[in-house]
Amino acid sequence: MAQPVPGSLPVLERLIAFPTVSAQSNLDLIDYAQALLRGAGFQVTRLSDPSAPKAGLAARLGPAGAGGVLLSAHSDVVPVEGQSWTRDPFRLTQEGRRLFGRGTTDMKGFLAAMLALAQKAARADLRAPLMMVISYDEEVGCKGIRQMMPALTGLGWQPDLCIIGEPTELRPTSGHKGKSVFHAHCKGEAGHSAQAPDFVNALHLAADLIAALRAMQQDYRSHGASDPAYALPYSTVHAGVLQGGRSLNIVPDAAILEFELRHLAQDDPALFKTQLQDRIAAILRGYPDRAGVAIEQVNSYPGLDIAQDHPAMALATAFAHQPPGQKAGFGTEAGFFAAAGWPAVVCGPGNMAAQGHKPDEYLEIDQLNDCEQMLDRVLAHLHKY
């Protein structure tokens, strides 16, 4: 028997052709999705970014009132520069049972299935609402959904379940860690390297701070909260970028260290910041008063932690026809929906670790077919509600 071809394939082909890297505009994709949703009878609210040529969408079809299901996807993708692609990343290419293109897995495959479902919903008699959200700038720290949430909550929706379609191989996922991003501005003083010990080296300060962060990581690993549902069951601290110095014969007077905390729900990021300041104070006691370290928090997003016995998990499991999976090692927008009081589960086609953010990113056709079947079950549920 021939394998079925997903009905969302033409939609996915259009979506991949929009080069919606986070640094670029997504308006062409949003215009396309808005026209499709309105053509299917959805009430559509466009949420424009006030500072960039970008926008998100909120769409609803069905009766007024609480209940129903919300489907959510982000429109942006990660860059392709510096990666060795063997195909045009912004042209959908099918080879065997794989669909290649930037964003096929993360996460235009789910978005295509959403929009294909919208066309089916136009012909359905819904007894509970079907809602859809398309966001932007997820790949740069969930910045778009943060700006969209006040307007979204103002719509008065109260879904029974939000499905955030990030790639989990269609296994309902109940949690992921929250994330906080910091810049440490280390202040030293410039001088000739021949007299280096007479001056405060900002890179030395940054190195001491990295050592402190590694000690905090060890504390989380040895004594912090633990959640065996994660591959890494503890909170993690990571230093990723260090900049400083202009010439080898000049003592650097400034350095910037970029680092992050990815925390379990049980670990309070406010406590991390307090403990970090205590460690910085201890470091500075070993330096002249001319030294300084200022911590700037530049971004954060909430984690997700929904109980396994929550009715939303049972509903998502029934739609997916799959048992719950391990909690996600990557962040999503789901925590923003949960913080608004909307039960959220992460569940979408593809495998993030194997396919996401990589050259020659691809999505298995069978995963897209299974996703369409999952969303068909959502539609049937809303019809029989």
Protein backbone atom coordinates (compact mmCIF):
# COMPACT_ATOMS: atom_id res chain seq x y z
CA MET A 1 0.00 0.00 0.00
CA ALA A 2 1.31 3.44 -0.91
CA GLN A 3 2.17 5.71 2.00
CA PRO A 4 -0.21 8.71 2.33
CA VAL A 5 0.91 12.18 1.33
CA PRO A 6 0.18 14.84 3.96
CA GLY A 7 -2.53 17.32 3.03
CA SER A 8 -0.46 20.04 4.66
CA LEU A 9 2.41 19.53 2.20
CA PRO A 10 1.48 22.48 -0.10
CA VAL A 11 1.17 24.72 2.96
CA LEU A 12 4.56 23.59 4.26
CA GLU A 13 6.12 24.30 0.87
CA ARG A 14 4.86 27.89 1.08
CA LEU A 15 6.02 28.32 4.66
CA ILE A 16 9.56 27.07 4.03
CA ALA A 17 9.91 29.54 1.14
CA PHE A 18 9.49 32.45 3.57
CA PRO A 19 13.03 33.09 4.98
CA THR A 20 11.78 34.04 8.43
CA VAL A 21 15.12 34.00 10.24
CA SER A 22 14.62 35.87 13.51
CA ALA A 23 16.78 38.79 12.35
CA GLN A 24 14.45 39.35 9.37
CA SER A 25 10.80 40.26 8.89
CA ASN A 26 8.10 37.60 9.08
CA LEU A 27 5.36 39.78 7.55
CA ASP A 28 5.09 37.89 4.24
CA LEU A 29 4.41 34.66 6.13
CA ILE A 30 1.95 36.42 8.44
CA ASP A 31 0.10 37.93 5.47
CA TYR A 32 -0.20 34.45 3.94
CA ALA A 33 -1.42 32.84 7.18
CA GLN A 34 -3.84 35.69 7.90
CA ALA A 35 -5.44 35.39 4.46
CA LEU A 36 -5.76 31.62 4.83
CA LEU A 37 -7.32 31.86 8.29
CA ARG A 38 -9.76 34.58 7.32
CA GLY A 39 -10.69 32.60 4.21
CA ALA A 40 -11.54 29.69 6.52
CA GLY A 41 -13.87 31.89 8.56
CA PHE A 42 -11.65 32.55 11.58
CA GLN A 43 -11.78 35.79 13.50
CA VAL A 44 -8.19 36.99 13.23
CA THR A 45 -6.37 39.53 15.39
CA ARG A 46 -3.03 40.78 14.09
CA LEU A 47 -0.54 41.72 16.79
CA SER A 48 2.21 43.89 15.34
CA ASP A 49 5.60 44.42 16.93
CA PRO A 50 5.93 48.12 17.78
CA SER A 51 9.65 48.26 17.00
CA ALA A 52 10.26 45.90 14.07
CA PRO A 53 8.58 44.74 10.83
CA LYS A 54 7.13 41.66 12.51
CA ALA A 55 3.75 40.47 13.71
CA GLY A 56 1.91 37.58 15.32
CA LEU A 57 -1.62 36.31 14.86
CA ALA A 58 -4.42 35.17 17.15
CA ALA A 59 -7.32 33.39 15.46
CA ARG A 60 -10.55 31.79 16.68
CA LEU A 61 -13.33 29.78 15.08
CA GLY A 62 -16.42 28.45 16.80
CA PRO A 63 -18.89 29.45 19.48
CA ALA A 64 -18.31 32.05 22.17
CA GLY A 65 -17.44 31.06 25.70
CA ALA A 66 -14.77 29.14 27.54
CA GLY A 67 -13.30 25.79 26.59
CA GLY A 68 -11.89 24.46 23.37
CA VAL A 69 -8.33 23.86 22.21
CA LEU A 70 -5.58 26.33 21.32
CA LEU A 71 -2.77 25.41 18.90
CA SER A 72 0.40 27.47 18.88
CA ALA A 73 3.52 27.75 16.71
CA HIS A 74 6.27 30.29 16.18
CA SER A 75 7.03 31.57 12.69
CA ASP A 76 10.75 32.32 12.99
CA VAL A 77 13.66 29.99 12.28
CA VAL A 78 17.35 29.94 13.17
CA PRO A 79 19.99 31.18 10.68
CA VAL A 80 21.66 28.99 8.05
CA GLU A 81 24.90 30.97 7.79
CA GLY A 82 27.95 28.95 8.75
CA GLN A 83 26.17 25.65 8.13
CA SER A 84 27.00 23.26 5.28
CA TRP A 85 23.68 22.73 3.55
CA THR A 86 23.55 20.42 0.52
CA ARG A 87 20.14 21.79 -0.52
CA ASP A 88 18.49 25.19 -0.73
CA PRO A 89 17.36 25.69 2.90
CA PHE A 90 14.41 27.84 1.84
CA ARG A 91 12.99 25.45 -0.71
CA LEU A 92 11.12 22.35 0.45
CA THR A 93 12.86 19.25 -0.94
CA GLN A 94 11.46 15.74 -0.67
CA GLU A 95 13.84 12.79 -0.75
CA GLY A 96 12.27 9.45 0.05
CA ARG A 97 10.22 9.87 3.21
CA ARG A 98 12.03 13.02 4.36
CA LEU A 99 11.16 16.68 3.84
CA PHE A 100 14.21 18.96 3.89
CA GLY A 101 14.25 22.70 4.58
CA ARG A 102 14.97 25.21 7.32
CA GLY A 103 12.15 25.02 9.83
CA THR A 104 10.61 21.72 8.74
CA THR A 105 11.08 20.36 12.26
CA ASP A 106 11.39 23.61 14.23
CA MET A 107 8.54 24.29 13.74
CA LYS A 108 6.89 24.99 10.41
CA GLY A 109 5.79 21.37 10.09
CA PHE A 110 3.37 21.85 12.98
CA LEU A 111 2.40 25.30 11.70
CA ALA A 112 1.56 23.80 8.29
CA ALA A 113 -0.60 21.14 9.94
CA MET A 114 -2.33 23.88 11.97
CA LEU A 115 -3.17 25.89 8.86
CA ALA A 116 -4.31 22.80 6.97
CA LEU A 117 -6.60 22.01 9.92
CA ALA A 118 -8.02 25.54 9.71
CA GLN A 119 -9.19 24.79 6.18
CA LYS A 120 -10.90 21.62 7.39
CA ALA A 121 -12.45 23.46 10.34
CA ALA A 122 -14.15 25.84 7.94
CA ARG A 123 -16.45 22.96 6.97
CA ALA A 124 -16.96 21.62 10.51
CA ASP A 125 -19.76 22.28 12.98
CA LEU A 126 -17.77 23.22 16.07
CA ARG A 127 -19.41 23.05 19.48
CA ALA A 128 -16.31 24.45 21.20
CA PRO A 129 -13.79 26.95 19.83
CA LEU A 130 -10.62 26.18 17.93
CA MET A 131 -7.96 28.82 18.61
CA MET A 132 -4.60 29.39 16.95
CA VAL A 133 -1.62 31.56 17.86
CA ILE A 134 1.34 32.28 15.58
CA SER A 135 4.23 34.10 17.24
CA TYR A 136 7.59 35.55 16.25
CA ASP A 137 11.10 35.88 17.74
CA GLU A 138 10.86 32.63 19.69
CA GLU A 139 14.36 31.64 18.62
CA VAL A 140 15.89 34.71 20.27
CA GLY A 141 14.51 34.15 23.75
CA CYS A 142 10.70 33.98 23.34
CA LYS A 143 10.61 37.77 22.92
CA GLY A 144 7.60 37.88 20.58
CA ILE A 145 5.19 35.90 22.74
CA ARG A 146 6.15 38.03 25.73
CA GLN A 147 4.96 41.11 23.83
CA MET A 148 1.85 39.33 22.56
CA MET A 149 0.59 37.90 25.86
CA PRO A 150 -1.14 41.03 27.24
CA ALA A 151 -3.23 41.27 24.07
CA LEU A 152 -3.86 37.51 24.00
CA THR A 153 -5.12 37.40 27.58
CA GLY A 154 -7.26 40.42 26.79
CA LEU A 155 -9.20 38.37 24.24
CA GLY A 156 -10.97 36.55 27.08
CA TRP A 157 -10.17 33.04 25.86
CA GLN A 158 -10.08 30.14 28.34
CA PRO A 159 -9.01 26.98 26.49
CA ASP A 160 -9.09 23.56 28.08
CA LEU A 161 -5.73 22.81 26.49
CA CYS A 162 -2.96 24.63 24.64
CA ILE A 163 -0.78 22.49 22.39
CA ILE A 164 2.57 24.10 21.64
CA GLY A 165 3.78 22.11 18.66
CA GLU A 166 7.54 22.06 19.25
CA PRO A 167 9.16 18.79 18.12
CA THR A 168 8.65 15.97 20.64
CA GLU A 169 8.00 13.14 18.15
CA LEU A 170 4.34 13.76 19.01
CA ARG A 171 4.72 12.58 22.59
CA PRO A 172 2.90 14.92 25.02
CA THR A 173 5.51 16.69 27.14
CA SER A 174 4.61 18.14 30.52
CA GLY A 175 7.59 20.32 31.28
CA HIS A 176 10.76 22.16 30.45
CA LYS A 177 13.16 24.33 32.39
CA GLY A 178 12.93 28.10 32.69
CA LYS A 179 15.84 30.23 31.51
CA SER A 180 17.49 33.47 32.62
CA VAL A 181 20.24 35.17 30.60
CA PHE A 182 22.82 37.48 32.19
CA HIS A 183 25.69 39.74 31.17
CA ALA A 184 28.42 40.39 33.73
CA HIS A 185 30.25 43.68 33.14
CA CYS A 186 33.68 43.32 34.72
CA LYS A 187 35.56 46.58 35.42
CA GLY A 188 39.33 46.74 35.69
CA GLU A 189 41.90 49.37 34.77
CA ALA A 190 44.16 49.72 31.76
CA GLY A 191 47.93 49.75 32.03
CA HIS A 192 51.09 48.51 30.38
CA SER A 193 51.43 44.75 30.57
CA ALA A 194 55.01 45.11 31.82
CA GLN A 195 53.48 46.33 35.10
CA ALA A 196 50.43 44.04 34.90
CA PRO A 197 50.33 43.14 38.61
CA ASP A 198 49.88 46.84 39.47
CA PHE A 199 46.55 47.01 37.63
CA VAL A 200 43.15 45.28 37.81
CA ASN A 201 42.79 42.82 34.93
CA ALA A 202 39.12 42.62 33.93
CA LEU A 203 39.67 39.23 32.29
CA HIS A 204 41.00 37.88 35.59
CA LEU A 205 37.82 39.10 37.26
CA ALA A 206 35.74 37.35 34.59
CA ALA A 207 37.77 34.15 35.03
CA ASP A 208 37.12 34.20 38.78
CA LEU A 209 33.42 34.69 38.05
CA ILE A 210 33.44 31.70 35.69
CA ALA A 211 34.99 29.63 38.49
CA ALA A 212 32.18 30.79 40.80
CA LEU A 213 29.55 29.82 38.22
CA ARG A 214 31.13 26.37 37.89
CA ALA A 215 30.94 25.99 41.66
CA MET A 216 27.27 26.97 41.59
CA GLN A 217 26.69 24.37 38.89
CA GLN A 218 28.29 21.75 41.09
CA ASP A 219 26.02 22.80 43.97
CA TYR A 220 22.94 22.35 41.78
CA ARG A 221 24.18 18.96 40.66
CA SER A 222 25.14 17.68 44.11
CA HIS A 223 22.65 19.36 46.43
CA GLY A 224 19.92 21.03 44.36
CA ALA A 225 16.48 19.86 43.34
CA SER A 226 16.26 16.88 41.04
CA ASP A 227 13.63 15.85 38.51
CA PRO A 228 14.26 12.43 36.91
CA ALA A 229 11.85 13.26 34.06
CA TYR A 230 14.70 15.29 32.50
CA ALA A 231 17.76 13.85 30.78
CA LEU A 232 19.73 16.34 32.93
CA PRO A 233 17.70 16.18 36.15
CA TYR A 234 19.13 19.33 37.77
CA SER A 235 19.36 23.05 37.02
CA THR A 236 22.30 24.06 34.84
CA VAL A 237 24.61 27.09 34.75
CA HIS A 238 26.48 27.80 31.52
CA ALA A 239 29.04 30.48 30.57
CA GLY A 240 28.94 30.91 26.81
CA VAL A 241 30.65 34.13 25.66
CA LEU A 242 33.57 36.14 27.05
CA GLN A 243 34.77 39.38 25.44
CA GLY A 244 37.60 41.58 26.64
CA GLY A 245 41.01 42.98 25.85
CA ARG A 246 42.31 44.87 22.84
CA SER A 247 46.04 44.15 22.75
CA LEU A 248 48.37 41.72 24.50
CA ASN A 249 50.52 44.52 25.92
CA ILE A 250 47.57 46.35 27.53
CA VAL A 251 45.94 45.17 30.75
CA PRO A 252 42.23 44.91 29.85
CA ASP A 253 40.06 47.39 31.69
CA ALA A 254 36.71 45.81 30.74
CA ALA A 255 35.27 42.38 29.98
CA ILE A 256 31.76 41.09 29.39
CA LEU A 257 30.77 37.55 30.30
CA GLU A 258 27.49 36.14 28.99
CA PHE A 259 25.98 33.26 30.95
CA GLU A 260 22.67 31.55 31.61
CA LEU A 261 20.68 29.62 34.18
CA ARG A 262 18.28 26.90 33.04
CA HIS A 263 16.31 26.03 36.13
CA LEU A 264 13.88 23.42 37.34
CA ALA A 265 10.51 24.60 38.60
CA GLN A 266 11.69 23.82 42.15
CA ASP A 267 14.71 26.16 41.92
CA ASP A 268 14.01 29.88 42.33
CA PRO A 269 16.01 32.06 39.93
CA ALA A 270 15.78 34.92 42.42
CA LEU A 271 17.74 32.82 44.91
CA PHE A 272 20.35 32.14 42.23
CA LYS A 273 20.83 35.90 41.76
CA THR A 274 21.18 36.45 45.51
CA GLN A 275 23.74 33.67 45.86
CA LEU A 276 25.61 34.98 42.81
CA GLN A 277 25.91 38.43 44.34
CA ASP A 278 27.31 36.87 47.52
CA ARG A 279 29.98 35.07 45.48
CA ILE A 280 30.81 38.25 43.57
CA ALA A 281 31.27 40.12 46.85
CA ALA A 282 33.69 37.40 47.99
CA ILE A 283 35.63 37.70 44.71
CA LEU A 284 35.89 41.48 44.96
CA ARG A 285 37.34 41.26 48.48
CA GLY A 286 40.48 39.94 46.82
CA TYR A 287 40.81 42.95 44.51
CA PRO A 288 41.45 46.70 44.97
CA ASP A 289 38.46 48.99 45.28
CA ARG A 290 38.98 49.94 41.62
CA ALA A 291 37.53 46.56 40.53
CA GLY A 292 33.85 45.99 39.95
CA VAL A 293 31.32 43.51 38.58
CA ALA A 294 27.82 44.58 37.53
CA ILE A 295 25.25 41.91 36.63
CA GLU A 296 22.63 42.71 33.97
CA GLN A 297 19.72 40.31 33.34
CA VAL A 298 18.96 40.64 29.64
CA ASN A 299 16.21 38.05 29.16
CA SER A 300 14.22 35.26 30.75
CA TYR A 301 11.34 32.95 30.04
CA PRO A 302 9.30 30.78 32.39
CA GLY A 303 9.51 27.04 32.59
CA LEU A 304 6.63 24.61 32.25
CA ASP A 305 5.58 22.04 34.83
CA ILE A 306 2.08 20.61 34.42
CA ALA A 307 1.05 17.65 36.56
CA GLN A 308 0.95 14.28 34.82
CA ASP A 309 -2.60 13.73 36.11
CA HIS A 310 -3.87 17.13 34.90
CA PRO A 311 -6.94 16.80 32.62
CA ALA A 312 -5.05 18.68 29.89
CA MET A 313 -2.37 15.97 29.84
CA ALA A 314 -5.04 13.28 29.54
CA LEU A 315 -6.63 15.19 26.66
CA ALA A 316 -3.31 15.69 24.87
CA THR A 317 -2.46 12.01 25.30
CA ALA A 318 -5.82 11.03 23.80
CA PHE A 319 -5.22 13.29 20.80
CA ALA A 320 -1.63 12.12 20.25
CA HIS A 321 -2.33 8.39 20.69
CA GLN A 322 1.08 8.33 22.39
CA PRO A 323 2.16 8.10 26.03
CA PRO A 324 3.80 11.16 27.61
CA GLY A 325 7.45 11.67 26.80
CA GLN A 326 10.46 12.82 28.78
CA LYS A 327 10.43 16.49 29.74
CA ALA A 328 12.01 18.70 27.09
CA GLY A 329 15.63 19.75 27.29
CA PHE A 330 14.90 22.93 25.34
CA GLY A 331 12.74 25.94 26.13
CA THR A 332 9.39 26.80 24.54
CA GLU A 333 6.66 29.41 24.75
CA ALA A 334 4.45 27.03 26.76
CA GLY A 335 5.35 28.61 30.09
CA PHE A 336 3.81 31.91 29.02
CA PHE A 337 0.47 30.22 28.29
CA ALA A 338 0.60 28.32 31.57
CA ALA A 339 1.35 31.53 33.48
CA ALA A 340 -1.82 33.01 31.96
CA GLY A 341 -3.83 30.15 33.46
CA TRP A 342 -4.14 28.22 30.19
CA PRO A 343 -3.11 24.55 30.61
CA ALA A 344 -0.24 23.93 28.19
CA VAL A 345 1.44 20.81 26.82
CA VAL A 346 4.32 20.60 24.31
CA CYS A 347 3.60 18.14 21.51
CA GLY A 348 4.65 18.29 17.88
CA PRO A 349 6.27 16.39 15.00
CA GLY A 350 10.01 15.87 14.62
CA ASN A 351 12.99 15.34 16.89
CA MET A 352 14.73 18.49 18.13
CA ALA A 353 18.00 16.82 19.10
CA ALA A 354 18.36 14.90 15.85
CA GLN A 355 16.99 17.44 13.37
CA GLY A 356 16.44 20.90 14.84
CA HIS A 357 18.86 23.78 14.12
CA LYS A 358 21.08 21.56 11.96
CA PRO A 359 22.20 21.77 8.34
CA ASP A 360 19.87 19.81 6.05
CA GLU A 361 17.13 20.00 8.67
CA TYR A 362 14.35 17.60 7.80
CA LEU A 363 11.01 16.20 8.96
CA GLU A 364 9.84 12.67 8.36
CA ILE A 365 6.69 12.55 6.22
CA ASP A 366 5.27 9.95 8.58
CA GLN A 367 5.62 12.41 11.47
CA LEU A 368 3.71 15.06 9.50
CA ASN A 369 1.00 12.52 8.67
CA ASP A 370 0.72 11.50 12.32
CA CYS A 371 0.51 15.17 13.31
CA GLU A 372 -2.36 15.71 10.89
CA GLN A 373 -4.17 12.73 12.38
CA MET A 374 -3.63 14.13 15.89
CA LEU A 375 -5.14 17.46 14.84
CA ASP A 376 -8.02 15.67 13.11
CA ARG A 377 -8.80 14.14 16.51
CA VAL A 378 -8.74 17.64 18.00
CA LEU A 379 -11.31 18.74 15.42
CA ALA A 380 -13.50 15.71 16.09
CA HIS A 381 -13.36 16.45 19.82
CA LEU A 382 -14.49 20.04 19.25
CA HIS A 383 -17.34 18.81 17.06
CA LYS A 384 -18.59 16.38 19.76
CA TYR A 385 -17.79 18.70 22.72
